Amino acid sequence: RPTAAAAAVGRLLARLRRQPAAALAAAMEQPLSSPPGLSTILAKTDWSEPWLVGLAVFHVFCFLLTCISFQHYRVQIGHFLCMVGLVYCAEYINELAAMNWRLFSKYQYFDSRGMFISLVFSAPLLVNTVVIVVTWVYRTLNVMTELKTLQQRMKAGKEKKK
């Protein structure tokens, strides 16, 4: 199904074939159309499709694992690396999904720019990774503060002995 931008480009090309100079002048006067934004993509998405519901459940599971893994450092590292790996593979996943979308979806959501997969797949994973990195930085700052406090106590204890 052609988009409004594709239809506008088609009309412009037809005018350009008929009247090259006039069509070129008209094209230069028109503002450039931007790619669809976040609200447009989210509004045009059929969220009742089973694969999108499954993706939402996957993201909820990832967020819960992010929260639970705060107590288990090794699990958190593995979870972080898996999410980063999935984000890295998003381009390949998008290409695969674009070729096979009829097998699991009613509509073709997977564009060549990867806007849809970036919003519904990569962005939530990146939010989880940012949460993990922030907790790592927070823990590191706490350990550094404790270390400095301990060093000052040891220094004060040595000075008292003198």
N, C-alpha and C. Protein backbone atom coordinates (compact mmCIF):
# COMPACT_ATOMS: atom_id res chain seq x y z
N ARG A 1 0.84 -1.18 0.00
CA ARG A 1 0.00 0.00 0.00
C ARG A 1 0.89 1.25 0.00
N PRO A 2 0.72 2.12 -0.96
CA PRO A 2 1.58 3.30 -1.08
C PRO A 2 1.29 4.31 0.03
N THR A 3 2.33 4.96 0.47
CA THR A 3 2.17 5.99 1.50
C THR A 3 1.90 7.33 0.84
N ALA A 4 1.56 8.30 1.67
CA ALA A 4 1.27 9.64 1.15
C ALA A 4 2.52 10.25 0.52
N ALA A 5 3.68 9.98 1.12
CA ALA A 5 4.93 10.51 0.57
C ALA A 5 5.22 9.91 -0.79
N ALA A 6 4.99 8.59 -0.93
CA ALA A 6 5.23 7.93 -2.23
C ALA A 6 4.28 8.48 -3.29
N ALA A 7 3.03 8.72 -2.91
CA ALA A 7 2.07 9.29 -3.85
C ALA A 7 2.48 10.70 -4.28
N ALA A 8 2.97 11.49 -3.33
CA ALA A 8 3.41 12.85 -3.65
C ALA A 8 4.61 12.82 -4.59
N VAL A 9 5.53 11.90 -4.35
CA VAL A 9 6.69 11.77 -5.23
C VAL A 9 6.25 11.35 -6.63
N GLY A 10 5.28 10.43 -6.71
CA GLY A 10 4.76 10.00 -8.01
C GLY A 10 4.13 11.14 -8.78
N ARG A 11 3.34 11.98 -8.10
CA ARG A 11 2.73 13.13 -8.76
C ARG A 11 3.80 14.11 -9.23
N LEU A 12 4.82 14.31 -8.41
CA LEU A 12 5.89 15.22 -8.77
C LEU A 12 6.65 14.71 -9.99
N LEU A 13 6.93 13.42 -10.05
CA LEU A 13 7.62 12.85 -11.20
C LEU A 13 6.78 12.97 -12.47
N ALA A 14 5.47 12.77 -12.35
CA ALA A 14 4.59 12.91 -13.51
C ALA A 14 4.61 14.34 -14.02
N ARG A 15 4.58 15.31 -13.09
CA ARG A 15 4.65 16.72 -13.51
C ARG A 15 6.00 17.04 -14.14
N LEU A 16 7.04 16.44 -13.60
CA LEU A 16 8.38 16.70 -14.11
C LEU A 16 8.52 16.20 -15.55
N ARG A 17 7.87 15.08 -15.87
CA ARG A 17 7.92 14.56 -17.24
C ARG A 17 7.18 15.48 -18.19
N ARG A 18 6.08 16.08 -17.72
CA ARG A 18 5.28 16.95 -18.58
C ARG A 18 5.91 18.34 -18.71
N GLN A 19 6.26 18.94 -17.57
CA GLN A 19 6.79 20.30 -17.57
C GLN A 19 8.01 20.35 -16.66
N PRO A 20 9.18 20.04 -17.18
CA PRO A 20 10.37 19.94 -16.33
C PRO A 20 10.68 21.20 -15.53
N ALA A 21 10.70 22.34 -16.13
CA ALA A 21 11.10 23.57 -15.42
C ALA A 21 10.07 23.96 -14.36
N ALA A 22 8.79 23.92 -14.72
CA ALA A 22 7.74 24.31 -13.78
C ALA A 22 7.67 23.33 -12.61
N ALA A 23 7.80 22.06 -12.90
CA ALA A 23 7.74 21.05 -11.84
C ALA A 23 8.92 21.17 -10.89
N LEU A 24 10.08 21.48 -11.43
CA LEU A 24 11.27 21.64 -10.60
C LEU A 24 11.12 22.85 -9.67
N ALA A 25 10.59 23.94 -10.20
CA ALA A 25 10.36 25.14 -9.38
C ALA A 25 9.35 24.85 -8.28
N ALA A 26 8.28 24.11 -8.63
CA ALA A 26 7.26 23.77 -7.63
C ALA A 26 7.84 22.86 -6.56
N ALA A 27 8.70 21.94 -6.96
CA ALA A 27 9.30 21.02 -5.99
C ALA A 27 10.21 21.76 -5.03
N MET A 28 10.91 22.77 -5.49
CA MET A 28 11.82 23.50 -4.63
C MET A 28 11.06 24.36 -3.63
N GLU A 29 9.83 24.72 -3.95
CA GLU A 29 9.04 25.54 -3.05
C GLU A 29 8.39 24.70 -1.95
N GLN A 30 8.16 23.41 -2.19
CA GLN A 30 7.50 22.55 -1.22
C GLN A 30 8.47 22.14 -0.12
N PRO A 31 8.00 22.07 1.13
CA PRO A 31 8.88 21.61 2.21
C PRO A 31 9.16 20.12 2.05
N LEU A 32 10.31 19.71 2.50
CA LEU A 32 10.67 18.30 2.45
C LEU A 32 9.82 17.53 3.45
N SER A 33 9.36 16.36 3.04
CA SER A 33 8.58 15.54 3.97
C SER A 33 9.56 14.74 4.83
N SER A 34 9.27 14.69 6.10
CA SER A 34 10.15 13.97 7.03
C SER A 34 9.64 12.54 7.18
N PRO A 35 10.49 11.65 7.65
CA PRO A 35 10.04 10.28 7.89
C PRO A 35 8.99 10.27 9.00
N PRO A 36 8.16 9.23 9.03
CA PRO A 36 7.12 9.20 10.06
C PRO A 36 7.73 9.21 11.46
N GLY A 37 7.09 9.93 12.34
CA GLY A 37 7.60 10.06 13.70
C GLY A 37 7.10 8.96 14.61
N LEU A 38 7.50 9.06 15.84
CA LEU A 38 7.15 8.08 16.85
C LEU A 38 5.64 7.94 16.99
N SER A 39 4.95 9.06 17.10
CA SER A 39 3.50 9.00 17.30
C SER A 39 2.79 8.39 16.10
N THR A 40 3.26 8.68 14.89
CA THR A 40 2.64 8.12 13.68
C THR A 40 2.81 6.61 13.64
N ILE A 41 4.01 6.15 13.91
CA ILE A 41 4.28 4.71 13.88
C ILE A 41 3.47 3.99 14.96
N LEU A 42 3.46 4.54 16.15
CA LEU A 42 2.74 3.89 17.24
C LEU A 42 1.23 3.90 17.01
N ALA A 43 0.72 4.96 16.39
CA ALA A 43 -0.72 5.04 16.12
C ALA A 43 -1.15 4.09 15.01
N LYS A 44 -0.31 3.86 14.03
CA LYS A 44 -0.68 3.02 12.88
C LYS A 44 -0.39 1.53 13.13
N THR A 45 0.14 1.19 14.27
CA THR A 45 0.48 -0.19 14.57
C THR A 45 -0.73 -0.91 15.15
N ASP A 46 -1.00 -2.11 14.66
CA ASP A 46 -2.07 -2.96 15.19
C ASP A 46 -1.51 -3.76 16.36
N TRP A 47 -1.72 -3.25 17.57
CA TRP A 47 -1.11 -3.84 18.76
C TRP A 47 -1.77 -5.14 19.19
N SER A 48 -2.84 -5.54 18.49
CA SER A 48 -3.51 -6.80 18.85
C SER A 48 -2.91 -8.01 18.14
N GLU A 49 -1.95 -7.79 17.26
CA GLU A 49 -1.32 -8.91 16.57
C GLU A 49 -0.56 -9.77 17.58
N PRO A 50 -0.68 -11.09 17.46
CA PRO A 50 -0.04 -11.98 18.45
C PRO A 50 1.46 -11.79 18.58
N TRP A 51 2.16 -11.55 17.50
CA TRP A 51 3.62 -11.41 17.59
C TRP A 51 3.99 -10.13 18.31
N LEU A 52 3.18 -9.07 18.21
CA LEU A 52 3.45 -7.83 18.95
C LEU A 52 3.14 -8.01 20.44
N VAL A 53 2.10 -8.78 20.74
CA VAL A 53 1.79 -9.09 22.14
C VAL A 53 2.95 -9.90 22.73
N GLY A 54 3.44 -10.87 21.95
CA GLY A 54 4.59 -11.66 22.40
C GLY A 54 5.82 -10.81 22.61
N LEU A 55 6.04 -9.83 21.73
CA LEU A 55 7.18 -8.92 21.88
C LEU A 55 7.04 -8.08 23.15
N ALA A 56 5.82 -7.64 23.43
CA ALA A 56 5.58 -6.87 24.66
C ALA A 56 5.85 -7.73 25.90
N VAL A 57 5.42 -8.98 25.86
CA VAL A 57 5.69 -9.90 26.98
C VAL A 57 7.20 -10.11 27.13
N PHE A 58 7.90 -10.24 26.01
CA PHE A 58 9.35 -10.39 26.04
C PHE A 58 10.01 -9.18 26.72
N HIS A 59 9.54 -7.97 26.39
CA HIS A 59 10.13 -6.77 26.98
C HIS A 59 9.81 -6.66 28.48
N VAL A 60 8.61 -7.07 28.87
CA VAL A 60 8.27 -7.09 30.30
C VAL A 60 9.17 -8.09 31.03
N PHE A 61 9.38 -9.27 30.43
CA PHE A 61 10.27 -10.27 31.01
C PHE A 61 11.69 -9.72 31.14
N CYS A 62 12.17 -9.04 30.10
CA CYS A 62 13.53 -8.45 30.15
C CYS A 62 13.63 -7.42 31.26
N PHE A 63 12.60 -6.59 31.42
CA PHE A 63 12.63 -5.58 32.47
C PHE A 63 12.62 -6.23 33.85
N LEU A 64 11.80 -7.27 34.03
CA LEU A 64 11.78 -7.97 35.31
C LEU A 64 13.12 -8.63 35.60
N LEU A 65 13.73 -9.22 34.57
CA LEU A 65 15.05 -9.82 34.74
C LEU A 65 16.09 -8.76 35.08
N THR A 66 15.95 -7.58 34.49
CA THR A 66 16.86 -6.48 34.83
C THR A 66 16.72 -6.12 36.31
N CYS A 67 15.49 -6.03 36.78
CA CYS A 67 15.26 -5.68 38.19
C CYS A 67 15.73 -6.78 39.13
N ILE A 68 15.46 -8.03 38.79
CA ILE A 68 15.83 -9.15 39.65
C ILE A 68 17.35 -9.34 39.67
N SER A 69 18.00 -9.07 38.56
CA SER A 69 19.44 -9.35 38.44
C SER A 69 20.31 -8.36 39.21
N PHE A 70 19.72 -7.37 39.85
CA PHE A 70 20.53 -6.43 40.65
C PHE A 70 21.26 -7.16 41.77
N GLN A 71 20.67 -8.26 42.25
CA GLN A 71 21.28 -9.01 43.34
C GLN A 71 22.28 -10.06 42.86
N HIS A 72 22.27 -10.34 41.56
CA HIS A 72 23.13 -11.39 41.00
C HIS A 72 23.96 -10.80 39.86
N TYR A 73 25.18 -10.44 40.19
CA TYR A 73 26.04 -9.69 39.28
C TYR A 73 26.33 -10.44 37.98
N ARG A 74 26.62 -11.73 38.06
CA ARG A 74 26.95 -12.50 36.85
C ARG A 74 25.75 -12.65 35.93
N VAL A 75 24.58 -12.85 36.51
CA VAL A 75 23.35 -12.92 35.71
C VAL A 75 23.13 -11.59 35.00
N GLN A 76 23.39 -10.51 35.72
CA GLN A 76 23.21 -9.17 35.15
C GLN A 76 24.15 -8.93 33.98
N ILE A 77 25.39 -9.38 34.10
CA ILE A 77 26.35 -9.22 33.00
C ILE A 77 25.88 -10.02 31.78
N GLY A 78 25.45 -11.25 32.00
CA GLY A 78 24.95 -12.07 30.89
C GLY A 78 23.72 -11.46 30.24
N HIS A 79 22.82 -10.97 31.05
CA HIS A 79 21.60 -10.33 30.55
C HIS A 79 21.95 -9.08 29.74
N PHE A 80 22.87 -8.28 30.26
CA PHE A 80 23.32 -7.08 29.57
C PHE A 80 23.92 -7.44 28.20
N LEU A 81 24.80 -8.42 28.17
CA LEU A 81 25.44 -8.81 26.91
C LEU A 81 24.43 -9.37 25.90
N CYS A 82 23.45 -10.13 26.37
CA CYS A 82 22.41 -10.64 25.47
C CYS A 82 21.60 -9.50 24.86
N MET A 83 21.23 -8.53 25.68
CA MET A 83 20.44 -7.41 25.16
C MET A 83 21.24 -6.58 24.16
N VAL A 84 22.50 -6.32 24.45
CA VAL A 84 23.35 -5.57 23.53
C VAL A 84 23.52 -6.35 22.23
N GLY A 85 23.67 -7.67 22.33
CA GLY A 85 23.77 -8.50 21.14
C GLY A 85 22.51 -8.46 20.30
N LEU A 86 21.35 -8.48 20.94
CA LEU A 86 20.09 -8.39 20.20
C LEU A 86 19.95 -7.04 19.50
N VAL A 87 20.35 -5.97 20.16
CA VAL A 87 20.29 -4.65 19.53
C VAL A 87 21.24 -4.61 18.34
N TYR A 88 22.41 -5.21 18.49
CA TYR A 88 23.37 -5.25 17.39
C TYR A 88 22.80 -6.01 16.19
N CYS A 89 22.03 -7.06 16.45
CA CYS A 89 21.46 -7.88 15.38
C CYS A 89 20.14 -7.33 14.85
N ALA A 90 19.67 -6.21 15.35
CA ALA A 90 18.36 -5.68 14.95
C ALA A 90 18.27 -5.42 13.44
N GLU A 91 19.34 -4.97 12.83
CA GLU A 91 19.32 -4.72 11.39
C GLU A 91 19.06 -6.03 10.62
N TYR A 92 19.72 -7.10 11.04
CA TYR A 92 19.54 -8.40 10.39
C TYR A 92 18.15 -8.95 10.66
N ILE A 93 17.68 -8.76 11.88
CA ILE A 93 16.32 -9.20 12.22
C ILE A 93 15.31 -8.43 11.37
N ASN A 94 15.54 -7.13 11.18
CA ASN A 94 14.65 -6.31 10.37
C ASN A 94 14.61 -6.81 8.92
N GLU A 95 15.78 -7.13 8.36
CA GLU A 95 15.83 -7.64 6.98
C GLU A 95 15.10 -8.97 6.87
N LEU A 96 15.32 -9.85 7.83
CA LEU A 96 14.66 -11.15 7.82
C LEU A 96 13.14 -10.99 7.96
N ALA A 97 12.72 -10.12 8.86
CA ALA A 97 11.29 -9.88 9.07
C ALA A 97 10.66 -9.21 7.84
N ALA A 98 11.40 -8.33 7.17
CA ALA A 98 10.86 -7.68 5.97
C ALA A 98 10.64 -8.69 4.85
N MET A 99 11.49 -9.70 4.78
CA MET A 99 11.33 -10.72 3.73
C MET A 99 10.21 -11.71 4.06
N ASN A 100 9.94 -11.94 5.34
CA ASN A 100 8.99 -12.98 5.75
C ASN A 100 7.81 -12.46 6.55
N TRP A 101 7.46 -11.20 6.43
CA TRP A 101 6.42 -10.63 7.27
C TRP A 101 5.06 -11.29 7.10
N ARG A 102 4.78 -11.85 5.93
CA ARG A 102 3.48 -12.49 5.69
C ARG A 102 3.28 -13.74 6.55
N LEU A 103 4.36 -14.32 7.03
CA LEU A 103 4.27 -15.53 7.85
C LEU A 103 3.75 -15.25 9.26
N PHE A 104 3.89 -14.02 9.74
CA PHE A 104 3.53 -13.75 11.14
C PHE A 104 2.76 -12.46 11.36
N SER A 105 2.57 -11.64 10.32
CA SER A 105 1.96 -10.33 10.52
C SER A 105 0.91 -10.04 9.45
N LYS A 106 -0.02 -9.17 9.79
CA LYS A 106 -1.03 -8.73 8.82
C LYS A 106 -0.48 -7.62 7.93
N TYR A 107 0.43 -6.84 8.44
CA TYR A 107 0.95 -5.66 7.73
C TYR A 107 2.47 -5.70 7.65
N GLN A 108 3.00 -4.99 6.68
CA GLN A 108 4.45 -4.86 6.52
C GLN A 108 4.91 -3.65 7.35
N TYR A 109 5.50 -3.92 8.48
CA TYR A 109 5.97 -2.87 9.37
C TYR A 109 7.46 -2.56 9.17
N PHE A 110 8.18 -3.45 8.54
CA PHE A 110 9.63 -3.40 8.54
C PHE A 110 10.16 -2.62 7.34
N ASP A 111 10.45 -1.34 7.55
CA ASP A 111 10.93 -0.47 6.48
C ASP A 111 12.45 -0.56 6.35
N SER A 112 12.96 -0.01 5.27
CA SER A 112 14.40 -0.10 5.00
C SER A 112 15.24 0.71 5.99
N ARG A 113 14.65 1.73 6.59
CA ARG A 113 15.40 2.54 7.56
C ARG A 113 15.43 1.90 8.94
N GLY A 114 14.55 0.93 9.17
CA GLY A 114 14.53 0.25 10.45
C GLY A 114 13.87 1.04 11.57
N MET A 115 13.02 1.98 11.22
CA MET A 115 12.38 2.83 12.23
C MET A 115 11.49 2.02 13.17
N PHE A 116 10.68 1.12 12.60
CA PHE A 116 9.75 0.35 13.41
C PHE A 116 10.49 -0.57 14.38
N ILE A 117 11.44 -1.32 13.87
CA ILE A 117 12.16 -2.26 14.75
C ILE A 117 12.98 -1.51 15.79
N SER A 118 13.45 -0.32 15.44
CA SER A 118 14.19 0.49 16.42
C SER A 118 13.29 0.90 17.57
N LEU A 119 12.05 1.25 17.24
CA LEU A 119 11.13 1.72 18.28
C LEU A 119 10.58 0.60 19.14
N VAL A 120 10.16 -0.50 18.51
CA VAL A 120 9.47 -1.53 19.29
C VAL A 120 10.40 -2.64 19.77
N PHE A 121 11.59 -2.76 19.22
CA PHE A 121 12.50 -3.83 19.62
C PHE A 121 13.73 -3.27 20.32
N SER A 122 14.46 -2.40 19.64
CA SER A 122 15.75 -1.95 20.17
C SER A 122 15.61 -0.95 21.32
N ALA A 123 14.70 0.00 21.21
CA ALA A 123 14.59 1.04 22.24
C ALA A 123 14.31 0.46 23.64
N PRO A 124 13.34 -0.45 23.79
CA PRO A 124 13.14 -1.00 25.14
C PRO A 124 14.36 -1.77 25.66
N LEU A 125 15.05 -2.48 24.78
CA LEU A 125 16.26 -3.18 25.21
C LEU A 125 17.33 -2.19 25.64
N LEU A 126 17.46 -1.10 24.91
CA LEU A 126 18.46 -0.09 25.27
C LEU A 126 18.11 0.60 26.58
N VAL A 127 16.84 0.78 26.85
CA VAL A 127 16.43 1.35 28.14
C VAL A 127 16.90 0.43 29.27
N ASN A 128 16.69 -0.87 29.10
CA ASN A 128 17.17 -1.83 30.11
C ASN A 128 18.68 -1.76 30.27
N THR A 129 19.42 -1.67 29.18
CA THR A 129 20.88 -1.61 29.29
C THR A 129 21.33 -0.33 29.97
N VAL A 130 20.63 0.76 29.72
CA VAL A 130 20.98 2.02 30.39
C VAL A 130 20.72 1.91 31.89
N VAL A 131 19.63 1.26 32.27
CA VAL A 131 19.34 1.06 33.70
C VAL A 131 20.47 0.26 34.35
N ILE A 132 20.93 -0.77 33.66
CA ILE A 132 22.02 -1.59 34.21
C ILE A 132 23.31 -0.77 34.32
N VAL A 133 23.64 0.00 33.30
CA VAL A 133 24.86 0.81 33.34
C VAL A 133 24.78 1.84 34.46
N VAL A 134 23.62 2.46 34.64
CA VAL A 134 23.47 3.44 35.72
C VAL A 134 23.68 2.77 37.08
N THR A 135 23.15 1.56 37.26
CA THR A 135 23.37 0.88 38.54
C THR A 135 24.84 0.52 38.72
N TRP A 136 25.51 0.14 37.63
CA TRP A 136 26.95 -0.15 37.74
C TRP A 136 27.73 1.09 38.15
N VAL A 137 27.41 2.22 37.57
CA VAL A 137 28.09 3.46 37.91
C VAL A 137 27.80 3.82 39.37
N TYR A 138 26.55 3.68 39.79
CA TYR A 138 26.16 3.98 41.17
C TYR A 138 26.93 3.09 42.16
N ARG A 139 26.99 1.79 41.86
CA ARG A 139 27.73 0.87 42.73
C ARG A 139 29.22 1.22 42.77
N THR A 140 29.77 1.55 41.61
CA THR A 140 31.19 1.92 41.56
C THR A 140 31.46 3.15 42.41
N LEU A 141 30.60 4.15 42.32
CA LEU A 141 30.76 5.36 43.14
C LEU A 141 30.66 5.05 44.62
N ASN A 142 29.74 4.16 44.97
CA ASN A 142 29.61 3.77 46.38
C ASN A 142 30.86 3.07 46.88
N VAL A 143 31.40 2.16 46.09
CA VAL A 143 32.62 1.44 46.49
C VAL A 143 33.78 2.42 46.61
N MET A 144 33.89 3.36 45.69
CA MET A 144 34.98 4.35 45.76
C MET A 144 34.83 5.22 47.00
N THR A 145 33.61 5.59 47.35
CA THR A 145 33.37 6.39 48.55
C THR A 145 33.75 5.60 49.80
N GLU A 146 33.34 4.35 49.85
CA GLU A 146 33.68 3.50 51.00
C GLU A 146 35.20 3.32 51.12
N LEU A 147 35.86 3.13 50.00
CA LEU A 147 37.31 2.96 49.99
C LEU A 147 38.00 4.22 50.52
N LYS A 148 37.57 5.37 50.06
CA LYS A 148 38.18 6.63 50.50
C LYS A 148 37.94 6.84 52.00
N THR A 149 36.74 6.52 52.47
CA THR A 149 36.43 6.65 53.90
C THR A 149 37.33 5.72 54.72
N LEU A 150 37.50 4.49 54.25
CA LEU A 150 38.38 3.53 54.93
C LEU A 150 39.82 4.01 54.95
N GLN A 151 40.29 4.57 53.84
CA GLN A 151 41.66 5.10 53.78
C GLN A 151 41.85 6.24 54.77
N GLN A 152 40.86 7.12 54.87
CA GLN A 152 40.97 8.24 55.81
C GLN A 152 40.96 7.75 57.25
N ARG A 153 40.17 6.72 57.56
CA ARG A 153 40.15 6.16 58.92
C ARG A 153 41.51 5.52 59.26
N MET A 154 42.08 4.81 58.28
CA MET A 154 43.39 4.18 58.52
C MET A 154 44.45 5.24 58.72
N LYS A 155 44.39 6.30 57.95
CA LYS A 155 45.36 7.40 58.08
C LYS A 155 45.21 8.07 59.45
N ALA A 156 43.96 8.28 59.88
CA ALA A 156 43.72 8.90 61.19
C ALA A 156 44.19 7.98 62.32
N GLY A 157 44.02 6.67 62.16
CA GLY A 157 44.48 5.70 63.16
C GLY A 157 45.99 5.70 63.26
N LYS A 158 46.70 5.80 62.15
CA LYS A 158 48.17 5.84 62.16
C LYS A 158 48.68 7.11 62.82
N GLU A 159 47.98 8.22 62.58
CA GLU A 159 48.39 9.50 63.17
C GLU A 159 48.17 9.50 64.68
N LYS A 160 47.15 8.81 65.18
CA LYS A 160 46.88 8.72 66.62
C LYS A 160 47.97 7.91 67.32
N LYS A 161 48.49 6.87 66.62
CA LYS A 161 49.52 6.02 67.21
C LYS A 161 50.83 6.78 67.38
N LYS A 162 51.06 7.78 66.55
CA LYS A 162 52.30 8.55 66.62
C LYS A 162 52.25 9.47 67.75
